[in-house]
């Protein structure tokens, strides 16, 4: 996707609006148009465990005691190596398999299709015939709209694309495609491959969830880092978030984009720290690159102020995210619920004599312990917790003294 003039203008408008109207409500849901949804395992290439076919289940089970069966087979395939094979020689039996449900947008038109191959072997003088159906269902799982997308196929000895089109009723929530051999038809081999549905589908969220990654303990007057991470990012391009903290417990230092969010490009990040205890951030990728998967997004840096048994850092539920396609879909996604993280703030480990200040006395104590073994009694002198009391620990205190001006 190239970044067009319209996208640049749209991006600028969004950033400006975000700064002025940070955390305002957004539309609850919009949709991506003209997308194609491939039915899960529509080509029957996923491994079968026993009789369980991933993405499929029995709507009507094979009639017991009749010559009725189904299986995933490698005898024939339109594409790939496998297809679904149904046999029904009973004439008064039947079997029907249906796909997992797909969420749709009511009022839109959908086209379901499948490639079918029928053997030319007649059964008891009756020609082979198989059925393809697409049905709509409401949120409770009840069919709505009737069988307006149903095709009975009779072509034999060749792969034929069978399709049906229908408009989803306003009460519809889901759609399924169905392979059916009813009581009225027989076949000694009906093969189904590459089921598909085309239409308008709700867009998947830009992130599945957000989480705070940080140490569960912080030390007063020492740097403390909090990372905001995304789980299941999908073409994530921008985020508008608000981090809340107790200003009596923490001093905010800085916020920057995580390297995994930057990727090979760059990120424009605009923070707002005007309100104590709140950091508002709008951050967006620049250019044609988005991020997907589990990625770190923002890195916040704090300095704990004083010892506390617990303190809470929270990402606001009003946080919104958008995909790289947002200029086309006009869609943003809302987190919906706060994400909270609890941390205990401990006394500064560099104040080794616990007199409330870090000065040359602490430096002298640690310097004299250099080379000592780390034990339960001397562990407090291993300031960087690397398993040794050495010059690096002396450097920790020296840096803090220089920083404080003591």
Protein backbone atom coordinates (compact mmCIF):
# COMPACT_ATOMS: atom_id res chain seq x y z
CA UNK A 1 0.00 0.00 0.00
CA UNK A 2 1.55 3.31 -1.03
CA UNK A 3 1.13 6.29 1.24
CA UNK A 4 -1.04 8.71 -0.71
CA UNK A 5 -1.70 12.42 -0.32
CA UNK A 6 -5.11 11.56 1.10
CA UNK A 7 -3.48 9.27 3.68
CA UNK A 8 -1.02 12.00 4.70
CA UNK A 9 -3.82 14.50 5.14
CA UNK A 10 -5.96 11.99 7.01
CA UNK A 11 -3.04 11.10 9.29
CA UNK A 12 -2.36 14.76 10.07
CA UNK A 13 -6.01 15.35 10.86
CA UNK A 14 -6.13 12.31 13.14
CA UNK A 15 -3.06 13.37 15.10
CA UNK A 16 -4.38 16.89 15.52
CA UNK A 17 -7.77 15.62 16.63
CA UNK A 18 -6.16 13.15 19.02
CA UNK A 19 -4.21 15.88 20.77
CA UNK A 20 -7.28 18.10 21.14
CA UNK A 21 -9.80 15.40 21.90
CA UNK A 22 -7.71 12.72 23.52
CA UNK A 23 -9.77 9.86 24.93
CA UNK A 24 -13.10 10.92 23.43
CA UNK A 25 -15.46 8.10 22.48
CA UNK A 26 -15.18 6.60 19.00
CA UNK A 27 -17.70 4.73 16.83
CA UNK A 28 -18.27 1.29 18.27
CA UNK A 29 -17.78 -0.60 15.03
CA UNK A 30 -17.20 -0.11 11.33
CA UNK A 31 -16.43 -2.59 8.61
CA UNK A 32 -13.97 -3.33 5.86
CA UNK A 33 -15.60 -3.56 2.44
CA UNK A 34 -14.95 -5.93 -0.44
CA UNK A 35 -12.92 -8.42 1.56
CA UNK A 36 -12.76 -12.12 0.71
CA UNK A 37 -13.08 -14.56 3.59
CA UNK A 38 -11.71 -18.03 2.97
CA UNK A 39 -13.70 -20.58 4.94
CA UNK A 40 -11.50 -22.25 7.52
CA UNK A 41 -10.08 -25.44 6.04
CA UNK A 42 -12.23 -24.93 2.96
CA UNK A 43 -9.71 -27.01 1.01
CA UNK A 44 -9.55 -29.80 3.63
CA UNK A 45 -5.76 -29.70 3.89
CA UNK A 46 -5.60 -29.53 7.71
CA UNK A 47 -4.84 -32.80 9.52
CA UNK A 48 -7.85 -34.86 10.59
CA UNK A 49 -7.97 -36.34 14.09
CA UNK A 50 -10.27 -39.37 14.01
CA UNK A 51 -13.55 -38.12 12.54
CA UNK A 52 -12.92 -34.50 13.53
CA UNK A 53 -12.33 -32.28 10.48
CA UNK A 54 -10.93 -28.88 11.53
CA UNK A 55 -13.35 -26.09 10.65
CA UNK A 56 -16.25 -28.51 10.03
CA UNK A 57 -18.85 -30.46 12.00
CA UNK A 58 -21.91 -32.62 11.43
CA UNK A 59 -25.22 -30.85 10.92
CA UNK A 60 -26.87 -34.16 10.00
CA UNK A 61 -24.92 -37.27 10.98
CA UNK A 62 -24.75 -40.25 8.60
CA UNK A 63 -27.83 -42.44 8.97
CA UNK A 64 -26.88 -45.51 11.06
CA UNK A 65 -27.02 -48.81 9.20
CA UNK A 66 -27.09 -47.14 5.78
CA UNK A 67 -24.42 -46.85 3.09
CA UNK A 68 -23.76 -43.25 4.06
CA UNK A 69 -20.32 -41.87 4.98
CA UNK A 70 -17.94 -38.96 4.65
CA UNK A 71 -14.17 -38.57 4.84
CA UNK A 72 -11.29 -36.34 3.85
CA UNK A 73 -9.63 -38.12 0.94
CA UNK A 74 -6.63 -37.79 -1.36
CA UNK A 75 -8.44 -39.59 -4.21
CA UNK A 76 -9.27 -36.29 -5.91
CA UNK A 77 -8.61 -32.60 -5.30
CA UNK A 78 -9.34 -29.44 -7.25
CA UNK A 79 -6.34 -27.78 -5.61
CA UNK A 80 -3.92 -29.14 -3.03
CA UNK A 81 -3.97 -32.82 -2.11
CA UNK A 82 -7.33 -33.41 -0.42
CA UNK A 83 -11.07 -32.94 -0.73
CA UNK A 84 -14.20 -33.94 1.18
CA UNK A 85 -15.80 -37.14 -0.12
CA UNK A 86 -19.41 -38.05 0.66
CA UNK A 87 -21.08 -41.35 -0.21
CA UNK A 88 -24.83 -41.93 0.08
CA UNK A 89 -26.22 -45.04 -1.59
CA UNK A 90 -29.19 -45.36 0.71
CA UNK A 91 -31.73 -43.06 -0.90
CA UNK A 92 -33.51 -42.74 2.43
CA UNK A 93 -30.53 -41.67 4.53
CA UNK A 94 -28.41 -38.57 4.30
CA UNK A 95 -25.49 -36.59 5.70
CA UNK A 96 -24.76 -32.87 6.00
CA UNK A 97 -21.55 -31.12 7.09
CA UNK A 98 -21.34 -27.41 7.79
CA UNK A 99 -18.47 -25.00 8.20
CA UNK A 100 -17.60 -23.04 11.33
CA UNK A 101 -19.67 -19.85 11.48
CA UNK A 102 -18.32 -16.59 10.08
CA UNK A 103 -19.49 -13.23 11.39
CA UNK A 104 -21.06 -11.06 8.68
CA UNK A 105 -22.55 -7.58 8.28
CA UNK A 106 -26.37 -7.69 8.00
CA UNK A 107 -27.88 -6.27 4.83
CA UNK A 108 -24.87 -7.02 2.63
CA UNK A 109 -24.67 -9.46 -0.27
CA UNK A 110 -22.62 -12.65 0.04
CA UNK A 111 -21.52 -15.22 -2.51
CA UNK A 112 -20.73 -18.74 -1.36
CA UNK A 113 -18.96 -21.20 -3.63
CA UNK A 114 -17.37 -24.63 -3.83
CA UNK A 115 -15.78 -26.82 -6.48
CA UNK A 116 -17.61 -30.14 -6.87
CA UNK A 117 -16.85 -33.40 -8.67
CA UNK A 118 -19.47 -36.14 -9.04
CA UNK A 119 -18.77 -39.67 -10.16
CA UNK A 120 -20.74 -40.73 -13.26
CA UNK A 121 -21.62 -44.05 -11.68
CA UNK A 122 -25.38 -44.22 -11.21
CA UNK A 123 -26.74 -45.69 -8.00
CA UNK A 124 -29.76 -47.98 -8.39
CA UNK A 125 -30.55 -46.27 -11.69
CA UNK A 126 -30.54 -42.77 -10.12
CA UNK A 127 -28.02 -40.15 -11.30
CA UNK A 128 -25.54 -38.75 -8.83
CA UNK A 129 -26.45 -35.45 -7.23
CA UNK A 130 -24.96 -33.34 -4.46
CA UNK A 131 -26.06 -30.09 -2.84
CA UNK A 132 -24.32 -26.87 -1.84
CA UNK A 133 -26.02 -24.48 0.61
CA UNK A 134 -25.16 -21.14 2.18
CA UNK A 135 -27.28 -20.21 5.20
CA UNK A 136 -27.52 -17.24 7.55
CA UNK A 137 -28.03 -17.50 11.32
CA UNK A 138 -28.91 -15.04 14.06
CA UNK A 139 -26.86 -14.53 17.21
CA UNK A 140 -28.73 -17.35 18.94
CA UNK A 141 -27.86 -19.81 16.17
CA UNK A 142 -31.30 -19.98 14.52
CA UNK A 143 -31.41 -19.95 10.74
CA UNK A 144 -32.85 -16.77 9.22
CA UNK A 145 -33.78 -15.91 5.65
CA UNK A 146 -34.56 -19.43 4.44
CA UNK A 147 -32.67 -21.50 1.84
CA UNK A 148 -32.30 -18.79 -0.79
CA UNK A 149 -28.72 -19.84 -1.56
CA UNK A 150 -29.04 -23.52 -2.44
CA UNK A 151 -27.79 -25.39 -5.51
CA UNK A 152 -28.38 -29.06 -6.42
CA UNK A 153 -25.51 -30.11 -8.67
CA UNK A 154 -25.67 -32.96 -11.19
CA UNK A 155 -22.64 -32.44 -13.47
CA UNK A 156 -20.44 -35.54 -13.50
CA UNK A 157 -16.82 -36.50 -14.14
CA UNK A 158 -15.47 -32.95 -13.98
CA UNK A 159 -14.71 -30.28 -11.43
CA UNK A 160 -17.41 -27.60 -11.54
CA UNK A 161 -17.62 -24.39 -9.54
CA UNK A 162 -20.99 -24.21 -7.82
CA UNK A 163 -22.01 -20.89 -6.29
CA UNK A 164 -25.00 -19.11 -4.80
CA UNK A 165 -25.62 -15.50 -3.87
CA UNK A 166 -27.89 -13.96 -1.23
CA UNK A 167 -28.34 -10.85 0.89
CA UNK A 168 -27.91 -11.34 4.62
CA UNK A 169 -31.14 -10.56 6.54
CA UNK A 170 -30.98 -7.70 9.01
CA UNK A 171 -31.37 -10.21 11.83
CA UNK A 172 -28.38 -12.27 10.63
CA UNK A 173 -25.13 -12.47 12.59
CA UNK A 174 -23.30 -15.40 10.97
CA UNK A 175 -23.04 -17.35 7.73
CA UNK A 176 -22.10 -20.98 7.07
CA UNK A 177 -21.54 -23.04 3.92
CA UNK A 178 -22.83 -26.58 3.79
CA UNK A 179 -22.12 -29.82 1.92
CA UNK A 180 -25.30 -31.87 1.84
CA UNK A 181 -26.61 -35.21 0.61
CA UNK A 182 -30.29 -35.30 1.51
CA UNK A 183 -32.69 -38.23 1.71
CA UNK A 184 -33.82 -37.49 -1.84
CA UNK A 185 -30.46 -37.85 -3.64
CA UNK A 186 -27.83 -40.56 -3.96
CA UNK A 187 -24.17 -40.64 -4.92
CA UNK A 188 -21.33 -43.12 -4.90
CA UNK A 189 -18.86 -40.25 -4.69
CA UNK A 190 -19.45 -36.52 -4.31
CA UNK A 191 -16.23 -34.54 -3.81
CA UNK A 192 -16.14 -30.98 -2.38
CA UNK A 193 -13.09 -28.70 -2.45
CA UNK A 194 -12.18 -25.02 -1.92
CA UNK A 195 -15.27 -23.67 -0.14
CA UNK A 196 -15.27 -19.88 -0.01
CA UNK A 197 -17.46 -16.92 0.90
CA UNK A 198 -17.09 -13.44 -0.56
CA UNK A 199 -18.64 -10.33 0.92
CA UNK A 200 -18.26 -7.70 3.64
CA UNK A 201 -16.91 -8.85 6.99
CA UNK A 202 -16.16 -7.11 10.30
CA UNK A 203 -12.51 -6.12 10.40
CA UNK A 204 -10.34 -7.87 12.95
CA UNK A 205 -9.00 -5.62 15.69
CA UNK A 206 -5.61 -3.93 15.35
CA UNK A 207 -4.52 -5.69 18.58
CA UNK A 208 -5.97 -8.64 20.48
CA UNK A 209 -4.96 -7.13 23.83
CA UNK A 210 -2.48 -4.79 25.52
CA UNK A 211 -0.34 -5.54 28.53
CA UNK A 212 2.12 -3.79 30.82
CA UNK A 213 5.53 -5.40 31.16
CA UNK A 214 7.67 -4.20 34.08
CA UNK A 215 9.51 -5.46 37.12
CA UNK A 216 7.22 -6.21 40.06
CA UNK A 217 9.60 -4.31 42.34
CA UNK A 218 11.09 -0.86 41.92
CA UNK A 219 13.68 0.94 44.01
CA UNK A 220 13.32 4.49 45.19
CA UNK A 221 15.42 7.02 43.26
CA UNK A 222 16.45 4.43 40.66
CA UNK A 223 15.28 4.28 37.05
CA UNK A 224 12.18 2.19 36.47
CA UNK A 225 11.00 1.15 33.00
CA UNK A 226 7.43 0.28 32.00
CA UNK A 227 6.76 -1.23 28.58
CA UNK A 228 3.37 -1.20 26.86
CA UNK A 229 3.11 -4.30 24.68
CA UNK A 230 0.56 -5.49 22.13
CA UNK A 231 -0.55 -9.11 21.84
CA UNK A 232 -1.76 -10.26 18.45
CA UNK A 233 -1.17 -7.01 16.58
CA UNK A 234 -2.60 -7.08 13.05
CA UNK A 235 -1.19 -4.42 10.70
CA UNK A 236 -1.04 -2.01 13.65
CA UNK A 237 -0.11 1.51 12.55
CA UNK A 238 -0.96 3.88 15.41
CA UNK A 239 -2.02 4.09 19.03
CA UNK A 240 -3.67 6.79 21.16
CA UNK A 241 -3.27 5.89 24.82
CA UNK A 242 -3.24 7.23 28.35
CA UNK A 243 -1.05 5.89 31.16
CA UNK A 244 -2.09 6.75 34.73
CA UNK A 245 0.19 6.59 37.77
CA UNK A 246 0.40 7.99 41.30
CA UNK A 247 2.38 11.22 41.06
CA UNK A 248 3.24 10.96 44.77
CA UNK A 249 4.95 7.64 44.12
CA UNK A 250 6.59 8.21 40.73
CA UNK A 251 8.27 10.98 38.80
CA UNK A 252 7.68 10.67 35.06
CA UNK A 253 10.93 10.94 33.09
CA UNK A 254 10.28 10.13 29.41
CA UNK A 255 8.44 8.01 26.87
CA UNK A 256 9.71 6.66 23.57
CA UNK A 257 8.67 4.22 20.87
CA UNK A 258 9.92 0.66 21.35
CA UNK A 259 12.34 -0.61 18.74
CA UNK A 260 9.93 -3.37 17.67
CA UNK A 261 7.26 -0.73 16.96
CA UNK A 262 9.74 1.35 14.96
CA UNK A 263 10.84 -1.62 12.88
CA UNK A 264 12.88 -0.48 9.91
CA UNK A 265 10.99 2.78 9.69
CA UNK A 266 10.23 5.53 12.14
CA UNK A 267 7.53 6.51 14.62
CA UNK A 268 6.11 9.96 15.31
CA UNK A 269 5.37 10.18 19.03
CA UNK A 270 3.64 13.13 20.71
CA UNK A 271 3.27 13.02 24.52
CA UNK A 272 1.15 15.22 26.77
CA UNK A 273 2.22 15.38 30.45
CA UNK A 274 0.31 18.50 31.46
CA UNK A 275 -1.72 16.63 34.10
CA UNK A 276 0.27 15.14 37.01
CA UNK A 277 -0.22 11.38 37.18
CA UNK A 278 -1.27 11.08 33.52
CA UNK A 279 0.82 10.60 30.38
CA UNK A 280 -1.14 10.88 27.13
CA UNK A 281 0.58 9.58 24.01
CA UNK A 282 -0.29 9.54 20.33
CA UNK A 283 2.19 7.46 18.32
CA UNK A 284 2.05 6.48 14.67
CA UNK A 285 4.26 4.69 12.19
CA UNK A 286 5.52 6.77 9.28
CA UNK A 287 5.52 5.34 5.77
CA UNK A 288 4.29 2.01 4.45
CA UNK A 289 5.25 -0.34 7.30
CA UNK A 290 2.90 -1.70 9.96
CA UNK A 291 3.56 -4.20 12.75
CA UNK A 292 1.96 -7.58 13.47
CA UNK A 293 2.30 -10.25 16.13
CA UNK A 294 3.37 -9.74 19.74
CA UNK A 295 5.32 -6.47 19.83
CA UNK A 296 6.45 -3.83 22.32
CA UNK A 297 4.96 -0.43 21.50
CA UNK A 298 5.96 2.23 24.02
CA UNK A 299 8.62 2.45 26.72
CA UNK A 300 7.87 4.72 29.70
CA UNK A 301 10.64 5.73 32.09
CA UNK A 302 9.95 6.69 35.71
CA UNK A 303 11.84 7.37 38.90
CA UNK A 304 10.17 6.00 42.05
CA UNK A 305 10.11 8.64 44.78
CA UNK A 306 9.65 6.79 48.06
CA UNK A 307 9.10 3.36 49.50
CA UNK A 308 5.55 2.05 48.99
CA UNK A 309 4.09 -1.38 49.67
CA UNK A 310 2.25 -1.14 46.37
CA UNK A 311 1.48 1.34 43.62
CA UNK A 312 -0.63 0.92 40.48
CA UNK A 313 0.17 1.86 36.90
CA UNK A 314 -2.77 1.72 34.49
CA UNK A 315 -3.36 1.85 30.74
CA UNK A 316 -6.77 3.44 30.19
CA UNK A 317 -9.55 1.42 28.59
CA UNK A 318 -10.24 4.37 26.27
CA UNK A 319 -6.99 3.55 24.44
CA UNK A 320 -7.56 3.34 20.69
CA UNK A 321 -5.55 1.69 17.93
CA UNK A 322 -5.73 1.75 14.14
CA UNK A 323 -4.44 -0.29 11.23
CA UNK A 324 -2.47 0.95 8.26
CA UNK A 325 -5.70 0.68 6.26
CA UNK A 326 -7.52 3.14 8.53
CA UNK A 327 -7.55 5.81 5.81
CA UNK A 328 -9.71 3.46 3.73
CA UNK A 329 -11.82 1.79 6.43
CA UNK A 330 -12.13 4.88 8.68
CA UNK A 331 -11.96 2.44 11.58
CA UNK A 332 -10.33 2.64 15.00
CA UNK A 333 -10.52 0.07 17.77
CA UNK A 334 -11.10 0.74 21.47
CA UNK A 335 -9.35 -1.31 24.17
CA UNK A 336 -12.52 -1.24 26.30
CA UNK A 337 -11.13 -2.05 29.75
CA UNK A 338 -8.31 -0.70 31.88
CA UNK A 339 -5.09 -2.71 32.09
CA UNK A 340 -3.58 -2.35 35.56
CA UNK A 341 -0.16 -3.33 36.91
CA UNK A 342 0.89 -3.33 40.57
CA UNK A 343 4.46 -2.67 41.69
CA UNK A 344 6.08 -2.54 45.12
CA UNK A 345 8.52 0.32 45.66
CA UNK A 346 11.42 -0.64 47.93
CA UNK A 347 14.00 1.48 49.67
CA UNK A 348 16.91 2.47 47.48
CA UNK A 349 19.34 -0.44 47.38
CA UNK A 350 22.24 1.98 47.09
CA UNK A 351 21.44 3.40 50.54
CA UNK A 352 23.29 0.48 52.06
CA UNK A 353 23.38 1.89 55.61
CA UNK A 354 19.67 2.85 55.45
CA UNK A 355 20.18 6.40 56.72
CA UNK A 356 17.92 7.90 54.05
CA UNK A 357 20.65 9.37 51.84
CA UNK A 358 23.15 8.08 49.31
CA UNK A 359 26.56 9.59 49.92
CA UNK A 360 30.25 8.85 50.42
CA UNK A 361 29.54 6.69 53.44
CA UNK A 362 27.57 4.22 51.26
CA UNK A 363 30.36 4.40 48.67
CA UNK A 364 32.99 3.59 51.29
CA UNK A 365 31.02 0.64 52.68
CA UNK A 366 30.58 -0.98 49.28
CA UNK A 367 34.14 -0.24 48.15
CA UNK A 368 35.47 -2.07 51.20
CA UNK A 369 33.32 -5.09 50.37
CA UNK A 370 34.67 -5.48 46.82
CA UNK A 371 35.81 -9.06 46.32
CA UNK A 372 33.67 -10.47 49.13
CA UNK A 373 31.51 -13.48 48.45
CA UNK A 374 27.81 -12.85 48.00
CA UNK A 375 25.94 -14.34 50.97
CA UNK A 376 22.63 -13.68 52.67
CA UNK A 377 24.43 -11.05 54.79
CA UNK A 378 26.40 -9.38 51.98
CA UNK A 379 23.80 -9.59 49.18
CA UNK A 380 22.80 -5.95 49.77
CA UNK A 381 26.25 -4.85 48.56
CA UNK A 382 25.71 -6.60 45.18
CA UNK A 383 23.75 -3.61 43.91
CA UNK A 384 23.40 -4.71 40.29
CA UNK A 385 22.56 -8.28 41.33
CA UNK A 386 25.07 -9.89 38.99
CA UNK A 387 26.28 -12.35 41.65
CA UNK A 388 29.47 -10.49 42.50
CA UNK A 389 30.48 -7.56 44.68
CA UNK A 390 32.86 -5.66 42.45
CA UNK A 391 33.76 -2.30 40.94
CA UNK A 392 30.46 -2.22 39.03
CA UNK A 393 28.60 -1.91 42.33
CA UNK A 394 30.88 0.93 43.39
CA UNK A 395 30.09 2.60 40.05
CA UNK A 396 26.36 2.41 40.78
CA UNK A 397 26.71 4.46 43.95
CA UNK A 398 29.19 6.86 42.36
CA UNK A 399 26.77 7.63 39.53
CA UNK A 400 23.92 8.26 41.98
CA UNK A 401 26.07 10.59 44.06
CA UNK A 402 27.09 12.58 40.99
CA UNK A 403 23.48 12.73 39.82
CA UNK A 404 22.19 13.97 43.19
CA UNK A 405 24.98 16.50 43.68
CA UNK A 406 25.64 15.27 47.24
